[in-house]
All heavy atoms as atom14 arrays in JSON, in Angstrom:
{
  "sequence": "PDGSAIRDYIHVVDLADAHVRALDVLASDRGSSL",
  "atom14_mask": [
    [1, 1, 1, 1, 1, 1, 1, 0, 0, 0, 0, 0, 0, 0],
    [1, 1, 1, 1, 1, 1, 1, 1, 0, 0, 0, 0, 0, 0],
    [1, 1, 1, 1, 0, 0, 0, 0, 0, 0, 0, 0, 0, 0],
    [1, 1, 1, 1, 1, 1, 0, 0, 0, 0, 0, 0, 0, 0],
    [1, 1, 1, 1, 1, 0, 0, 0, 0, 0, 0, 0, 0, 0],
    [1, 1, 1, 1, 1, 1, 1, 1, 0, 0, 0, 0, 0, 0],
    [1, 1, 1, 1, 1, 1, 1, 1, 1, 1, 1, 0, 0, 0],
    [1, 1, 1, 1, 1, 1, 1, 1, 0, 0, 0, 0, 0, 0],
    [1, 1, 1, 1, 1, 1, 1, 1, 1, 1, 1, 1, 0, 0],
    [1, 1, 1, 1, 1, 1, 1, 1, 0, 0, 0, 0, 0, 0],
    [1, 1, 1, 1, 1, 1, 1, 1, 1, 1, 0, 0, 0, 0],
    [1, 1, 1, 1, 1, 1, 1, 0, 0, 0, 0, 0, 0, 0],
    [1, 1, 1, 1, 1, 1, 1, 0, 0, 0, 0, 0, 0, 0],
    [1, 1, 1, 1, 1, 1, 1, 1, 0, 0, 0, 0, 0, 0],
    [1, 1, 1, 1, 1, 1, 1, 1, 0, 0, 0, 0, 0, 0],
    [1, 1, 1, 1, 1, 0, 0, 0, 0, 0, 0, 0, 0, 0],
    [1, 1, 1, 1, 1, 1, 1, 1, 0, 0, 0, 0, 0, 0],
    [1, 1, 1, 1, 1, 0, 0, 0, 0, 0, 0, 0, 0, 0],
    [1, 1, 1, 1, 1, 1, 1, 1, 1, 1, 0, 0, 0, 0],
    [1, 1, 1, 1, 1, 1, 1, 0, 0, 0, 0, 0, 0, 0],
    [1, 1, 1, 1, 1, 1, 1, 1, 1, 1, 1, 0, 0, 0],
    [1, 1, 1, 1, 1, 0, 0, 0, 0, 0, 0, 0, 0, 0],
    [1, 1, 1, 1, 1, 1, 1, 1, 0, 0, 0, 0, 0, 0],
    [1, 1, 1, 1, 1, 1, 1, 1, 0, 0, 0, 0, 0, 0],
    [1, 1, 1, 1, 1, 1, 1, 0, 0, 0, 0, 0, 0, 0],
    [1, 1, 1, 1, 1, 1, 1, 1, 0, 0, 0, 0, 0, 0],
    [1, 1, 1, 1, 1, 0, 0, 0, 0, 0, 0, 0, 0, 0],
    [1, 1, 1, 1, 1, 1, 0, 0, 0, 0, 0, 0, 0, 0],
    [1, 1, 1, 1, 1, 1, 1, 1, 0, 0, 0, 0, 0, 0],
    [1, 1, 1, 1, 1, 1, 1, 1, 1, 1, 1, 0, 0, 0],
    [1, 1, 1, 1, 0, 0, 0, 0, 0, 0, 0, 0, 0, 0],
    [1, 1, 1, 1, 1, 1, 0, 0, 0, 0, 0, 0, 0, 0],
    [1, 1, 1, 1, 1, 1, 0, 0, 0, 0, 0, 0, 0, 0],
    [1, 1, 1, 1, 1, 1, 1, 1, 0, 0, 0, 0, 0, 0]
  ],
  "atom14_positions": [
    [[0.79, -1.24, 0.0], [0.0, 0.0, 0.0], [0.82, 1.29, 0.0], [0.43, 2.27, -0.63], [-0.85, -0.13, 1.27], [-1.05, -1.61, 1.4], [0.25, -2.22, 0.97], [0.0, 0.0, 0.0], [0.0, 0.0, 0.0], [0.0, 0.0, 0.0], [0.0, 0.0, 0.0], [0.0, 0.0, 0.0], [0.0, 0.0, 0.0], [0.0, 0.0, 0.0]],
    [[1.95, 1.33, 0.73], [2.74, 2.57, 0.75], [4.11, 2.41, 0.08], [4.95, 3.3, 0.18], [2.89, 3.1, 2.18], [3.69, 2.17, 3.09], [4.37, 1.26, 2.59], [3.63, 2.36, 4.32], [0.0, 0.0, 0.0], [0.0, 0.0, 0.0], [0.0, 0.0, 0.0], [0.0, 0.0, 0.0], [0.0, 0.0, 0.0], [0.0, 0.0, 0.0]],
    [[4.34, 1.28, -0.58], [5.58, 1.08, -1.32], [6.74, 0.53, -0.52], [7.77, 0.18, -1.09], [0.0, 0.0, 0.0], [0.0, 0.0, 0.0], [0.0, 0.0, 0.0], [0.0, 0.0, 0.0], [0.0, 0.0, 0.0], [0.0, 0.0, 0.0], [0.0, 0.0, 0.0], [0.0, 0.0, 0.0], [0.0, 0.0, 0.0], [0.0, 0.0, 0.0]],
    [[6.6, 0.46, 0.8], [7.68, -0.07, 1.64], [7.36, -1.49, 2.09], [6.21, -1.92, 2.07], [7.93, 0.84, 2.84], [6.82, 0.86, 3.72], [0.0, 0.0, 0.0], [0.0, 0.0, 0.0], [0.0, 0.0, 0.0], [0.0, 0.0, 0.0], [0.0, 0.0, 0.0], [0.0, 0.0, 0.0], [0.0, 0.0, 0.0], [0.0, 0.0, 0.0]],
    [[8.41, -2.22, 2.48], [8.24, -3.62, 2.85], [7.42, -3.76, 4.13], [7.46, -2.9, 5.01], [9.61, -4.26, 3.03], [0.0, 0.0, 0.0], [0.0, 0.0, 0.0], [0.0, 0.0, 0.0], [0.0, 0.0, 0.0], [0.0, 0.0, 0.0], [0.0, 0.0, 0.0], [0.0, 0.0, 0.0], [0.0, 0.0, 0.0], [0.0, 0.0, 0.0]],
    [[6.69, -4.86, 4.22], [5.83, -5.13, 5.37], [6.39, -6.33, 6.13], [6.71, -7.37, 5.54], [4.39, -5.41, 4.92], [3.78, -4.13, 4.33], [3.54, -5.92, 6.09], [2.39, -4.33, 3.75], [0.0, 0.0, 0.0], [0.0, 0.0, 0.0], [0.0, 0.0, 0.0], [0.0, 0.0, 0.0], [0.0, 0.0, 0.0], [0.0, 0.0, 0.0]],
    [[6.48, -6.17, 7.45], [7.0, -7.23, 8.31], [6.14, -7.36, 9.56], [5.4, -6.45, 9.93], [8.45, -6.94, 8.73], [9.45, -6.88, 7.57], [9.68, -8.24, 6.96], [10.68, -8.2, 5.9], [10.41, -8.0, 4.63], [9.15, -7.82, 4.24], [11.38, -7.99, 3.73], [0.0, 0.0, 0.0], [0.0, 0.0, 0.0], [0.0, 0.0, 0.0]],
    [[6.3, -8.49, 10.23], [5.62, -8.77, 11.49], [6.65, -8.59, 12.61], [7.66, -9.29, 12.65], [5.11, -10.21, 11.47], [4.18, -10.54, 12.63], [4.22, -9.83, 13.65], [3.43, -11.53, 12.52], [0.0, 0.0, 0.0], [0.0, 0.0, 0.0], [0.0, 0.0, 0.0], [0.0, 0.0, 0.0], [0.0, 0.0, 0.0], [0.0, 0.0, 0.0]],
    [[6.41, -7.63, 13.5], [7.33, -7.35, 14.6], [6.79, -7.95, 15.89], [5.59, -7.86, 16.17], [7.52, -5.83, 14.76], [8.16, -5.21, 13.54], [7.39, -4.76, 12.47], [9.55, -5.1, 13.44], [7.97, -4.22, 11.34], [10.14, -4.55, 12.32], [9.35, -4.12, 11.28], [9.94, -3.59, 10.14], [0.0, 0.0, 0.0], [0.0, 0.0, 0.0]],
    [[7.68, -8.55, 16.67], [7.29, -9.27, 17.88], [8.12, -8.78, 19.06], [9.34, -8.66, 18.96], [7.43, -10.8, 17.68], [7.1, -11.57, 18.96], [8.81, -11.17, 17.18], [5.65, -11.68, 19.22], [0.0, 0.0, 0.0], [0.0, 0.0, 0.0], [0.0, 0.0, 0.0], [0.0, 0.0, 0.0], [0.0, 0.0, 0.0], [0.0, 0.0, 0.0]],
    [[7.46, -8.44, 20.15], [8.17, -7.9, 21.32], [9.02, -8.99, 21.98], [8.6, -10.14, 22.12], [7.16, -7.35, 22.34], [7.76, -6.36, 23.29], [8.7, -6.71, 24.24], [7.58, -5.02, 23.42], [9.05, -5.64, 24.92], [8.39, -4.6, 24.45], [0.0, 0.0, 0.0], [0.0, 0.0, 0.0], [0.0, 0.0, 0.0], [0.0, 0.0, 0.0]],
    [[10.22, -8.61, 22.39], [11.14, -9.58, 23.0], [10.56, -10.18, 24.28], [10.88, -11.33, 24.62], [12.51, -8.94, 23.3], [13.25, -8.64, 22.01], [12.38, -7.67, 24.14], [0.0, 0.0, 0.0], [0.0, 0.0, 0.0], [0.0, 0.0, 0.0], [0.0, 0.0, 0.0], [0.0, 0.0, 0.0], [0.0, 0.0, 0.0], [0.0, 0.0, 0.0]],
    [[9.71, -9.45, 24.99], [9.08, -10.0, 26.19], [8.12, -11.13, 25.81], [8.05, -12.16, 26.5], [8.36, -8.89, 26.97], [7.5, -9.47, 28.09], [9.37, -7.9, 27.55], [0.0, 0.0, 0.0], [0.0, 0.0, 0.0], [0.0, 0.0, 0.0], [0.0, 0.0, 0.0], [0.0, 0.0, 0.0], [0.0, 0.0, 0.0], [0.0, 0.0, 0.0]],
    [[7.41, -10.96, 24.69], [6.55, -12.04, 24.2], [7.38, -13.24, 23.75], [6.99, -14.39, 23.96], [5.67, -11.54, 23.06], [4.53, -10.66, 23.53], [4.01, -10.91, 24.63], [4.17, -9.71, 22.81], [0.0, 0.0, 0.0], [0.0, 0.0, 0.0], [0.0, 0.0, 0.0], [0.0, 0.0, 0.0], [0.0, 0.0, 0.0], [0.0, 0.0, 0.0]],
    [[8.51, -12.98, 23.12], [9.41, -14.07, 22.72], [9.88, -14.85, 23.94], [9.92, -16.09, 23.93], [10.62, -13.53, 21.97], [10.44, -13.14, 20.51], [11.76, -12.62, 19.94], [9.95, -14.31, 19.68], [0.0, 0.0, 0.0], [0.0, 0.0, 0.0], [0.0, 0.0, 0.0], [0.0, 0.0, 0.0], [0.0, 0.0, 0.0], [0.0, 0.0, 0.0]],
    [[10.26, -14.12, 24.98], [10.73, -14.79, 26.2], [9.63, -15.68, 26.79], [9.89, -16.82, 27.22], [11.18, -13.75, 27.22], [0.0, 0.0, 0.0], [0.0, 0.0, 0.0], [0.0, 0.0, 0.0], [0.0, 0.0, 0.0], [0.0, 0.0, 0.0], [0.0, 0.0, 0.0], [0.0, 0.0, 0.0], [0.0, 0.0, 0.0], [0.0, 0.0, 0.0]],
    [[8.42, -15.19, 26.79], [7.29, -15.96, 27.3], [7.11, -17.24, 26.49], [6.87, -18.32, 27.04], [6.02, -15.11, 27.25], [4.79, -15.86, 27.71], [4.86, -16.57, 28.74], [3.74, -15.75, 27.05], [0.0, 0.0, 0.0], [0.0, 0.0, 0.0], [0.0, 0.0, 0.0], [0.0, 0.0, 0.0], [0.0, 0.0, 0.0], [0.0, 0.0, 0.0]],
    [[7.24, -17.14, 25.17], [7.1, -18.33, 24.31], [8.19, -19.36, 24.61], [7.93, -20.56, 24.59], [7.15, -17.91, 22.84], [0.0, 0.0, 0.0], [0.0, 0.0, 0.0], [0.0, 0.0, 0.0], [0.0, 0.0, 0.0], [0.0, 0.0, 0.0], [0.0, 0.0, 0.0], [0.0, 0.0, 0.0], [0.0, 0.0, 0.0], [0.0, 0.0, 0.0]],
    [[9.41, -18.9, 24.9], [10.49, -19.83, 25.23], [10.19, -20.61, 26.52], [10.41, -21.81, 26.59], [11.81, -19.08, 25.37], [12.45, -18.75, 24.07], [11.98, -17.74, 23.27], [13.51, -19.28, 23.42], [12.72, -17.67, 22.17], [13.66, -18.59, 22.24], [0.0, 0.0, 0.0], [0.0, 0.0, 0.0], [0.0, 0.0, 0.0], [0.0, 0.0, 0.0]],
    [[9.72, -19.89, 27.52], [9.38, -20.56, 28.78], [8.3, -21.6, 28.55], [8.37, -22.73, 29.06], [8.94, -19.52, 29.84], [8.42, -20.22, 31.09], [10.11, -18.6, 30.19], [0.0, 0.0, 0.0], [0.0, 0.0, 0.0], [0.0, 0.0, 0.0], [0.0, 0.0, 0.0], [0.0, 0.0, 0.0], [0.0, 0.0, 0.0], [0.0, 0.0, 0.0]],
    [[7.29, -21.23, 27.77], [6.2, -22.18, 27.5], [6.7, -23.38, 26.69], [6.26, -24.52, 26.91], [5.08, -21.47, 26.75], [4.32, -20.45, 27.62], [3.38, -19.6, 26.78], [2.72, -18.59, 27.57], [1.48, -18.7, 28.06], [0.78, -19.8, 27.83], [0.94, -17.73, 28.76], [0.0, 0.0, 0.0], [0.0, 0.0, 0.0], [0.0, 0.0, 0.0]],
    [[7.62, -23.13, 25.74], [8.17, -24.24, 24.96], [8.95, -25.19, 25.86], [8.85, -26.43, 25.72], [9.07, -23.69, 23.85], [0.0, 0.0, 0.0], [0.0, 0.0, 0.0], [0.0, 0.0, 0.0], [0.0, 0.0, 0.0], [0.0, 0.0, 0.0], [0.0, 0.0, 0.0], [0.0, 0.0, 0.0], [0.0, 0.0, 0.0], [0.0, 0.0, 0.0]],
    [[9.72, -24.65, 26.79], [10.45, -25.51, 27.73], [9.49, -26.33, 28.59], [9.74, -27.51, 28.87], [11.35, -24.65, 28.61], [12.57, -24.02, 27.91], [13.21, -22.97, 28.81], [13.58, -25.1, 27.55], [0.0, 0.0, 0.0], [0.0, 0.0, 0.0], [0.0, 0.0, 0.0], [0.0, 0.0, 0.0], [0.0, 0.0, 0.0], [0.0, 0.0, 0.0]],
    [[8.4, -25.7, 29.02], [7.41, -26.43, 29.82], [6.8, -27.58, 29.03], [6.59, -28.67, 29.56], [6.31, -25.47, 30.29], [6.78, -24.53, 31.38], [7.81, -24.81, 32.01], [6.11, -23.49, 31.6], [0.0, 0.0, 0.0], [0.0, 0.0, 0.0], [0.0, 0.0, 0.0], [0.0, 0.0, 0.0], [0.0, 0.0, 0.0], [0.0, 0.0, 0.0]],
    [[6.48, -27.32, 27.75], [5.9, -28.37, 26.91], [6.88, -29.51, 26.73], [6.52, -30.69, 26.84], [5.48, -27.79, 25.54], [5.16, -28.91, 24.55], [4.26, -26.89, 25.7], [0.0, 0.0, 0.0], [0.0, 0.0, 0.0], [0.0, 0.0, 0.0], [0.0, 0.0, 0.0], [0.0, 0.0, 0.0], [0.0, 0.0, 0.0], [0.0, 0.0, 0.0]],
    [[8.15, -29.19, 26.46], [9.15, -30.23, 26.28], [9.38, -31.02, 27.58], [9.56, -32.23, 27.55], [10.46, -29.62, 25.81], [10.46, -29.07, 24.38], [11.76, -28.31, 24.1], [10.27, -30.18, 23.36], [0.0, 0.0, 0.0], [0.0, 0.0, 0.0], [0.0, 0.0, 0.0], [0.0, 0.0, 0.0], [0.0, 0.0, 0.0], [0.0, 0.0, 0.0]],
    [[9.35, -30.32, 28.71], [9.56, -30.99, 30.0], [8.44, -31.97, 30.31], [8.65, -33.0, 30.95], [9.69, -29.96, 31.12], [0.0, 0.0, 0.0], [0.0, 0.0, 0.0], [0.0, 0.0, 0.0], [0.0, 0.0, 0.0], [0.0, 0.0, 0.0], [0.0, 0.0, 0.0], [0.0, 0.0, 0.0], [0.0, 0.0, 0.0], [0.0, 0.0, 0.0]],
    [[7.23, -31.64, 29.87], [6.09, -32.53, 30.14], [5.95, -33.62, 29.09], [5.09, -34.49, 29.2], [4.8, -31.71, 30.21], [4.53, -31.1, 28.96], [0.0, 0.0, 0.0], [0.0, 0.0, 0.0], [0.0, 0.0, 0.0], [0.0, 0.0, 0.0], [0.0, 0.0, 0.0], [0.0, 0.0, 0.0], [0.0, 0.0, 0.0], [0.0, 0.0, 0.0]],
    [[6.8, -33.52, 28.02], [6.83, -34.56, 26.98], [5.46, -34.74, 26.34], [5.02, -35.85, 26.1], [7.33, -35.89, 27.55], [7.75, -36.87, 26.44], [8.03, -36.4, 25.32], [7.77, -38.07, 26.71], [0.0, 0.0, 0.0], [0.0, 0.0, 0.0], [0.0, 0.0, 0.0], [0.0, 0.0, 0.0], [0.0, 0.0, 0.0], [0.0, 0.0, 0.0]],
    [[4.8, -33.62, 26.05], [3.51, -33.7, 25.4], [3.68, -33.68, 23.88], [4.51, -32.95, 23.34], [2.62, -32.51, 25.82], [2.3, -32.49, 27.3], [1.13, -31.57, 27.56], [1.38, -30.2, 27.16], [1.84, -29.26, 27.98], [2.12, -29.57, 29.24], [2.03, -28.03, 27.56], [0.0, 0.0, 0.0], [0.0, 0.0, 0.0], [0.0, 0.0, 0.0]],
    [[2.9, -34.44, 23.17], [2.87, -34.38, 21.72], [4.06, -35.04, 21.07], [4.77, -35.85, 21.67], [0.0, 0.0, 0.0], [0.0, 0.0, 0.0], [0.0, 0.0, 0.0], [0.0, 0.0, 0.0], [0.0, 0.0, 0.0], [0.0, 0.0, 0.0], [0.0, 0.0, 0.0], [0.0, 0.0, 0.0], [0.0, 0.0, 0.0], [0.0, 0.0, 0.0]],
    [[4.28, -34.7, 19.81], [5.34, -35.32, 19.02], [6.69, -34.78, 19.45], [6.8, -33.83, 20.2], [5.12, -35.04, 17.53], [5.18, -33.65, 17.27], [0.0, 0.0, 0.0], [0.0, 0.0, 0.0], [0.0, 0.0, 0.0], [0.0, 0.0, 0.0], [0.0, 0.0, 0.0], [0.0, 0.0, 0.0], [0.0, 0.0, 0.0], [0.0, 0.0, 0.0]],
    [[7.75, -35.41, 18.93], [9.1, -35.07, 19.37], [9.72, -33.92, 18.59], [10.8, -33.46, 18.92], [10.01, -36.3, 19.25], [10.11, -36.69, 17.89], [0.0, 0.0, 0.0], [0.0, 0.0, 0.0], [0.0, 0.0, 0.0], [0.0, 0.0, 0.0], [0.0, 0.0, 0.0], [0.0, 0.0, 0.0], [0.0, 0.0, 0.0], [0.0, 0.0, 0.0]],
    [[9.07, -33.45, 17.53], [9.67, -32.42, 16.69], [8.59, -31.5, 16.14], [7.7, -31.95, 15.42], [10.44, -33.07, 15.53], [11.22, -32.14, 14.6], [12.35, -31.47, 15.38], [11.77, -32.9, 13.42], [0.0, 0.0, 0.0], [0.0, 0.0, 0.0], [0.0, 0.0, 0.0], [0.0, 0.0, 0.0], [0.0, 0.0, 0.0], [0.0, 0.0, 0.0]]
  ]
}
């Protein structure tokens, strides 16, 4: 629309939260292995 590139920006605090949740999921061994 304005001629410049479009990207999805994500806050580092949200990224950190996702990492903690990913570790919790892996620790509980839920779902597939990959």
